[in-house]
Amino acid sequence: MSQLQQIAWSEDPVLFITWQTSDVCNYRCGYCNQGNWGGDQPNEAVLTYQHNLSLLLDKMKHQGYSRIKLFLSGGEPTHWQGMIPMLQWFRSLSGWAVTVAVNTNLSRPTVWWERFYHHFDDVVASYHPEWVKHELFLTNAQYLSTRVNYLAVRMMMAENHWQDQIRSADEIYDALPNVYLEYVPILGEMSTSAVPYVYEDAGKAAWLQQHNLRVKDTEPKPRNRVGGTATIERWSDGTAQPVNSNRLAAESHNFFEGWQCDIGSSINIAINGDITLASCGQSGVIGNINSEISMDDLPASITCAKHHCHCGTDICIPKRAPHAH
């Protein structure tokens, strides 16, 4: 049986910046903890963030990076007051090419997306069964499907909403000309110590291993304005394909303990402003976005000591198995 041996860059290295922008969210999903929706940390000090990030990026530029993939999450990032000013600032940076992705519940009115969609290359739209307004979600997804480079619809497969999620997924897939539709095994909690949810019906977990991704690409859409920012899976039988973190997690290929992981290419900013390399916590806190950042003598890579990788962005970081050549 072929084994995953490496995750590698598809082109020149990219600096991943994953930013949990605030804990402001209009949903209260049962599988999400209050730290993601409590509203206690709106994080509106935009000028401070711009100053301190400029210091961080100067250091990273000296390490050879010239491209950024910025991934905004939350909370619900489209409700973060600092989002548009920060995106305009990132786009204005001299010497950097920036691509932007957002993880959203797609609950904003369609007129909001009509006004601001041009800021995004990728939209990752999570379909939360307890709170979603299906018709609005579908309308927004249809609008974005031909206007962004990459639209992923993530069906959060809560066990008590299983059949409704299957039906909604079929309708969404049929309606969209372009989509990566993912069936997502939910986590037991949303944190750095997250563990996979154990389904009472073992058949559901088995189903997710076999049915976790459907891809449809039938109409023209914009290209990513930065070029190739994806990473590549390399397998022992010689197979190579673009990384899909949900598929790897659903098929239990996200266990990287003992691997060499290039966490120096990934900056993670938590809701409280703490900065780590990757979101797994193995680097420890290296600074905070609310103060000037010193990043001297930080590791480019580490040997992973975690049992499994819970974050989609972290799964995408280049890494190598101990036995890989």
Protein backbone atom coordinates (compact mmCIF):
# COMPACT_ATOMS: atom_id res chain seq x y z
CA MET A 1 0.00 0.00 0.00
CA SER A 2 1.38 3.38 -0.99
CA GLN A 3 2.51 5.61 1.89
CA LEU A 4 2.61 9.39 2.09
CA GLN A 5 6.31 10.35 2.19
CA GLN A 6 6.49 14.09 1.71
CA ILE A 7 4.59 17.34 1.37
CA ALA A 8 6.60 19.71 -0.82
CA TRP A 9 6.33 23.12 -2.46
CA SER A 10 4.72 23.19 -5.89
CA GLU A 11 6.76 26.28 -6.87
CA ASP A 12 8.95 28.73 -4.95
CA PRO A 13 8.41 28.79 -1.16
CA VAL A 14 5.45 30.75 0.18
CA LEU A 15 5.07 32.35 3.59
CA PHE A 16 1.81 31.10 5.11
CA ILE A 17 0.13 33.58 7.46
CA THR A 18 -2.91 32.16 9.22
CA TRP A 19 -4.75 34.79 11.26
CA GLN A 20 -7.61 34.14 13.66
CA THR A 21 -8.80 37.69 13.36
CA SER A 22 -11.22 38.00 16.30
CA ASP A 23 -13.75 36.07 18.38
CA VAL A 24 -16.68 37.92 16.79
CA CYS A 25 -19.11 35.49 15.15
CA ASN A 26 -22.82 35.48 14.43
CA TYR A 27 -23.08 31.68 14.90
CA ARG A 28 -23.02 29.59 18.08
CA CYS A 29 -22.34 26.09 16.78
CA GLY A 30 -22.55 23.27 19.30
CA TYR A 31 -19.16 21.82 18.25
CA CYS A 32 -17.36 25.20 18.55
CA ASN A 33 -16.14 26.63 21.87
CA GLN A 34 -16.91 30.10 23.19
CA GLY A 35 -13.34 31.23 22.53
CA ASN A 36 -14.29 31.45 18.86
CA TRP A 37 -17.53 33.41 19.26
CA GLY A 38 -17.54 35.11 22.68
CA GLY A 39 -17.09 38.64 21.30
CA ASP A 40 -14.57 39.62 23.98
CA GLN A 41 -11.67 40.27 21.58
CA PRO A 42 -12.82 42.37 18.59
CA ASN A 43 -9.17 43.26 17.78
CA GLU A 44 -9.50 46.65 16.13
CA ALA A 45 -5.97 48.14 16.55
CA VAL A 46 -5.30 48.05 12.80
CA LEU A 47 -2.44 50.58 12.75
CA THR A 48 -0.62 48.63 15.48
CA TYR A 49 -1.01 45.39 13.52
CA GLN A 50 0.30 47.02 10.35
CA HIS A 51 3.37 48.42 12.12
CA ASN A 52 4.27 45.18 13.86
CA LEU A 53 3.58 42.99 10.84
CA SER A 54 5.86 45.19 8.74
CA LEU A 55 8.70 44.40 11.16
CA LEU A 56 7.92 40.68 10.97
CA LEU A 57 7.75 40.70 7.17
CA ASP A 58 11.06 42.53 6.89
CA LYS A 59 12.67 39.67 8.81
CA MET A 60 10.97 37.05 6.65
CA LYS A 61 12.02 38.81 3.43
CA HIS A 62 15.65 38.42 4.49
CA GLN A 63 14.99 34.66 4.69
CA GLY A 64 14.15 34.63 0.99
CA TYR A 65 10.36 34.93 0.97
CA SER A 66 8.61 37.19 -1.50
CA ARG A 67 5.14 35.60 -1.66
CA ILE A 68 2.46 35.43 1.04
CA LYS A 69 -0.60 33.27 1.34
CA LEU A 70 -2.80 35.01 3.90
CA PHE A 71 -5.59 32.89 5.38
CA LEU A 72 -8.16 34.69 7.52
CA SER A 73 -10.36 32.82 9.98
CA GLY A 74 -12.13 33.69 13.20
CA GLY A 75 -14.63 33.95 14.67
CA GLU A 76 -16.32 34.98 11.45
CA PRO A 77 -13.70 37.12 9.68
CA THR A 78 -16.17 38.95 7.47
CA HIS A 79 -17.53 40.50 10.70
CA TRP A 80 -14.05 41.69 11.74
CA GLN A 81 -13.93 45.47 11.43
CA GLY A 82 -10.24 45.41 10.53
CA MET A 83 -10.52 43.05 7.58
CA ILE A 84 -10.82 45.39 4.59
CA PRO A 85 -8.21 47.91 5.87
CA MET A 86 -5.77 45.05 6.53
CA LEU A 87 -6.34 43.50 3.10
CA GLN A 88 -5.75 46.85 1.42
CA TRP A 89 -2.52 47.19 3.43
CA PHE A 90 -1.29 43.71 2.48
CA ARG A 91 -1.97 44.41 -1.20
CA SER A 92 0.05 47.64 -0.99
CA LEU A 93 3.21 46.00 0.36
CA SER A 94 6.27 46.65 -1.79
CA GLY A 95 8.22 43.56 -2.80
CA TRP A 96 5.51 41.10 -1.79
CA ALA A 97 2.98 39.21 -3.88
CA VAL A 98 -0.05 38.37 -1.75
CA THR A 99 -2.87 35.88 -2.23
CA VAL A 100 -5.80 35.94 0.21
CA ALA A 101 -8.08 33.17 1.44
CA VAL A 102 -10.95 33.51 3.88
CA ASN A 103 -12.73 30.87 5.96
CA THR A 104 -16.32 32.09 6.25
CA ASN A 105 -19.79 30.86 7.12
CA LEU A 106 -21.01 32.74 4.02
CA SER A 107 -23.80 34.42 5.98
CA ARG A 108 -23.15 37.97 4.79
CA PRO A 109 -25.80 39.37 2.40
CA THR A 110 -25.00 38.79 -1.26
CA VAL A 111 -24.54 42.53 -1.75
CA TRP A 112 -21.56 42.36 0.65
CA TRP A 113 -19.86 39.73 -1.50
CA GLU A 114 -20.66 41.71 -4.64
CA ARG A 115 -18.81 44.66 -3.12
CA PHE A 116 -15.79 42.85 -1.66
CA TYR A 117 -15.26 39.53 -3.47
CA HIS A 118 -12.35 40.99 -5.47
CA HIS A 119 -10.19 40.99 -2.33
CA PHE A 120 -10.13 37.18 -2.23
CA ASP A 121 -8.47 34.50 -4.34
CA ASP A 122 -9.85 31.61 -2.27
CA VAL A 123 -13.09 31.32 -0.32
CA VAL A 124 -13.51 28.41 2.08
CA ALA A 125 -17.20 28.35 2.99
CA SER A 126 -18.21 26.22 5.98
CA TYR A 127 -21.78 24.92 6.00
CA HIS A 128 -22.85 24.77 9.66
CA PRO A 129 -26.16 22.86 9.93
CA GLU A 130 -27.39 24.39 13.19
CA TRP A 131 -27.29 27.99 11.95
CA VAL A 132 -26.99 28.13 8.17
CA LYS A 133 -29.56 29.90 6.01
CA HIS A 134 -29.47 27.50 3.12
CA GLU A 135 -30.85 29.69 0.35
CA LEU A 136 -28.53 32.59 1.22
CA PHE A 137 -25.54 30.25 1.42
CA LEU A 138 -26.40 28.76 -1.97
CA THR A 139 -26.92 32.16 -3.60
CA ASN A 140 -23.57 33.43 -2.29
CA ALA A 141 -21.77 30.25 -3.34
CA GLN A 142 -23.23 30.50 -6.84
CA TYR A 143 -22.09 34.13 -7.10
CA LEU A 144 -18.52 33.30 -5.98
CA SER A 145 -18.13 30.10 -7.95
CA THR A 146 -16.97 31.87 -11.12
CA ARG A 147 -15.45 34.94 -9.46
CA VAL A 148 -12.72 33.47 -7.24
CA ASN A 149 -9.94 31.08 -8.13
CA TYR A 150 -10.91 28.48 -5.54
CA LEU A 151 -14.23 27.92 -3.80
CA ALA A 152 -14.41 25.16 -1.22
CA VAL A 153 -17.68 24.27 0.47
CA ARG A 154 -17.05 22.41 3.70
CA MET A 155 -20.01 20.37 4.94
CA MET A 156 -19.57 20.05 8.70
CA MET A 157 -20.68 16.47 9.26
CA ALA A 158 -22.28 16.66 12.68
CA GLU A 159 -23.73 13.26 13.50
CA ASN A 160 -27.19 14.53 14.45
CA HIS A 161 -27.53 16.42 11.15
CA TRP A 162 -25.98 13.76 8.92
CA GLN A 163 -28.74 13.15 6.38
CA ASP A 164 -29.61 16.84 6.08
CA GLN A 165 -25.96 17.56 5.32
CA ILE A 166 -25.87 14.87 2.64
CA ARG A 167 -28.98 16.30 0.97
CA SER A 168 -27.75 19.89 1.17
CA ALA A 169 -24.36 18.89 -0.24
CA ASP A 170 -26.00 17.25 -3.25
CA GLU A 171 -28.04 20.37 -3.97
CA ILE A 172 -25.03 22.66 -3.63
CA TYR A 173 -22.84 20.46 -5.84
CA ASP A 174 -25.50 20.30 -8.54
CA ALA A 175 -26.02 24.08 -8.49
CA LEU A 176 -22.40 25.27 -8.69
CA PRO A 177 -20.29 25.26 -11.85
CA ASN A 178 -17.00 25.24 -9.90
CA VAL A 179 -16.53 23.84 -6.41
CA TYR A 180 -14.39 21.71 -4.14
CA LEU A 181 -17.05 20.12 -1.94
CA GLU A 182 -15.64 18.59 1.25
CA TYR A 183 -17.39 16.37 3.79
CA VAL A 184 -15.63 17.38 7.00
CA PRO A 185 -15.25 15.14 10.06
CA ILE A 186 -15.78 17.56 12.92
CA LEU A 187 -13.36 17.89 15.82
CA GLY A 188 -14.12 17.20 19.46
CA GLU A 189 -13.20 20.83 20.15
CA MET A 190 -11.78 23.75 18.19
CA SER A 191 -8.38 24.39 19.80
CA THR A 192 -4.68 23.47 19.58
CA SER A 193 -5.48 20.32 21.58
CA ALA A 194 -8.30 19.33 19.25
CA VAL A 195 -8.95 15.62 18.83
CA PRO A 196 -11.11 13.93 16.19
CA TYR A 197 -14.76 13.46 17.11
CA VAL A 198 -15.69 9.83 17.69
CA TYR A 199 -18.91 9.06 15.80
CA GLU A 200 -21.33 6.79 17.68
CA ASP A 201 -22.09 5.16 14.34
CA ALA A 202 -18.74 3.79 13.17
CA GLY A 203 -20.18 3.52 9.68
CA LYS A 204 -20.20 7.31 9.41
CA ALA A 205 -16.47 7.54 10.06
CA ALA A 206 -15.90 4.79 7.48
CA TRP A 207 -18.11 6.65 5.00
CA LEU A 208 -16.03 9.82 5.42
CA GLN A 209 -12.85 7.93 4.63
CA GLN A 210 -14.33 6.96 1.27
CA HIS A 211 -16.42 10.07 0.52
CA ASN A 212 -14.67 13.26 1.56
CA LEU A 213 -14.14 15.30 -1.63
CA ARG A 214 -16.05 16.06 -4.82
CA VAL A 215 -14.57 18.41 -7.42
CA LYS A 216 -16.40 20.24 -10.18
CA ASP A 217 -14.72 22.62 -12.63
CA THR A 218 -16.94 23.45 -15.60
CA GLU A 219 -16.74 27.23 -16.17
CA PRO A 220 -13.94 29.82 -16.48
CA LYS A 221 -12.75 31.54 -13.31
CA PRO A 222 -9.88 33.90 -12.33
CA ARG A 223 -6.39 32.56 -11.82
CA ASN A 224 -4.66 32.90 -8.46
CA ARG A 225 -2.94 36.29 -8.75
CA VAL A 226 0.28 34.97 -7.17
CA GLY A 227 0.65 31.67 -9.03
CA GLY A 228 1.16 28.29 -7.43
CA THR A 229 0.86 28.53 -3.65
CA ALA A 230 -0.30 24.97 -3.05
CA THR A 231 1.88 22.18 -1.75
CA ILE A 232 2.18 18.71 -3.26
CA GLU A 233 1.70 15.25 -1.75
CA ARG A 234 4.40 12.76 -2.77
CA TRP A 235 3.65 9.06 -2.22
CA SER A 236 5.87 5.99 -2.12
CA ASP A 237 4.48 4.64 -5.41
CA GLY A 238 5.62 7.80 -7.22
CA THR A 239 2.21 9.49 -7.19
CA ALA A 240 2.19 13.28 -6.76
CA GLN A 241 -0.93 15.42 -6.37
CA PRO A 242 -1.99 18.75 -4.82
CA VAL A 243 -2.54 18.63 -1.07
CA ASN A 244 -6.15 18.52 0.12
CA SER A 245 -5.97 18.73 3.89
CA ASN A 246 -9.54 17.58 4.47
CA ARG A 247 -9.02 14.44 2.42
CA LEU A 248 -5.78 13.64 4.24
CA ALA A 249 -7.46 14.12 7.62
CA ALA A 250 -10.58 12.11 6.71
CA GLU A 251 -8.39 9.26 5.45
CA SER A 252 -6.19 9.39 8.61
CA HIS A 253 -3.07 10.54 6.77
CA ASN A 254 -2.51 13.48 9.15
CA PHE A 255 -0.29 11.64 11.64
CA PHE A 256 3.16 13.21 11.30
CA GLU A 257 4.87 12.42 14.60
CA GLY A 258 8.59 12.03 13.88
CA TRP A 259 8.41 13.88 10.55
CA GLN A 260 10.60 16.90 9.79
CA CYS A 261 8.20 19.85 9.44
CA ASP A 262 9.18 23.25 8.03
CA ILE A 263 7.23 25.32 10.55
CA GLY A 264 9.41 28.36 9.86
CA SER A 265 7.36 28.92 6.69
CA SER A 266 4.10 29.32 8.63
CA ILE A 267 3.11 32.23 10.89
CA ASN A 268 0.01 31.71 13.04
CA ILE A 269 -1.71 34.62 14.80
CA ALA A 270 -4.19 33.60 17.50
CA ILE A 271 -7.28 35.52 18.56
CA ASN A 272 -5.42 36.93 21.58
CA GLY A 273 -2.60 38.12 19.29
CA ASP A 274 -0.06 35.46 20.23
CA ILE A 275 2.19 34.45 17.35
CA THR A 276 3.51 30.93 16.86
CA LEU A 277 5.15 29.04 14.05
CA ALA A 278 2.25 26.94 12.75
CA SER A 279 -0.85 26.55 14.93
CA CYS A 280 0.22 23.34 16.68
CA GLY A 281 2.00 25.19 19.51
CA GLN A 282 5.28 23.31 19.20
CA SER A 283 7.32 26.48 18.62
CA GLY A 284 5.95 28.14 21.73
CA VAL A 285 4.80 31.77 21.58
CA ILE A 286 7.35 33.86 19.69
CA GLY A 287 5.62 37.22 20.04
CA ASN A 288 2.32 39.06 19.98
CA ILE A 289 0.88 41.18 17.20
CA ASN A 290 0.08 43.92 19.71
CA SER A 291 3.79 44.60 20.32
CA GLU A 292 6.98 44.78 18.28
CA ILE A 293 8.08 41.33 17.20
CA SER A 294 11.58 39.87 17.56
CA MET A 295 12.10 36.69 15.52
CA ASP A 296 15.80 35.95 15.94
CA ASP A 297 17.17 32.40 15.93
CA LEU A 298 13.86 30.69 15.23
CA PRO A 299 13.87 27.19 13.72
CA ALA A 300 13.22 26.70 10.02
CA SER A 301 12.05 23.16 10.77
CA ILE A 302 11.44 20.84 13.70
CA THR A 303 10.87 17.15 14.30
CA CYS A 304 7.14 16.87 14.93
CA ALA A 305 6.25 15.61 18.40
CA LYS A 306 2.46 15.77 18.09
CA HIS A 307 0.30 12.69 17.67
CA HIS A 308 -1.69 14.16 14.82
CA CYS A 309 -2.06 17.38 12.84
CA HIS A 310 -5.45 19.01 13.50
CA CYS A 311 -5.16 22.19 11.38
CA GLY A 312 -5.70 22.23 7.64
CA THR A 313 -3.07 24.92 7.14
CA ASP A 314 -0.52 22.98 9.21
CA ILE A 315 -1.15 19.85 7.14
CA CYS A 316 -0.15 21.87 4.05
CA ILE A 317 3.25 22.89 5.49
CA PRO A 318 6.16 21.12 3.72
CA LYS A 319 7.30 18.08 5.70
CA ARG A 320 9.15 14.81 5.22
CA ALA A 321 8.71 11.35 6.70
CA PRO A 322 11.74 9.89 8.53
CA HIS A 323 12.14 7.17 5.91
CA ALA A 324 11.71 9.44 2.87
CA HIS A 325 14.71 9.89 0.57
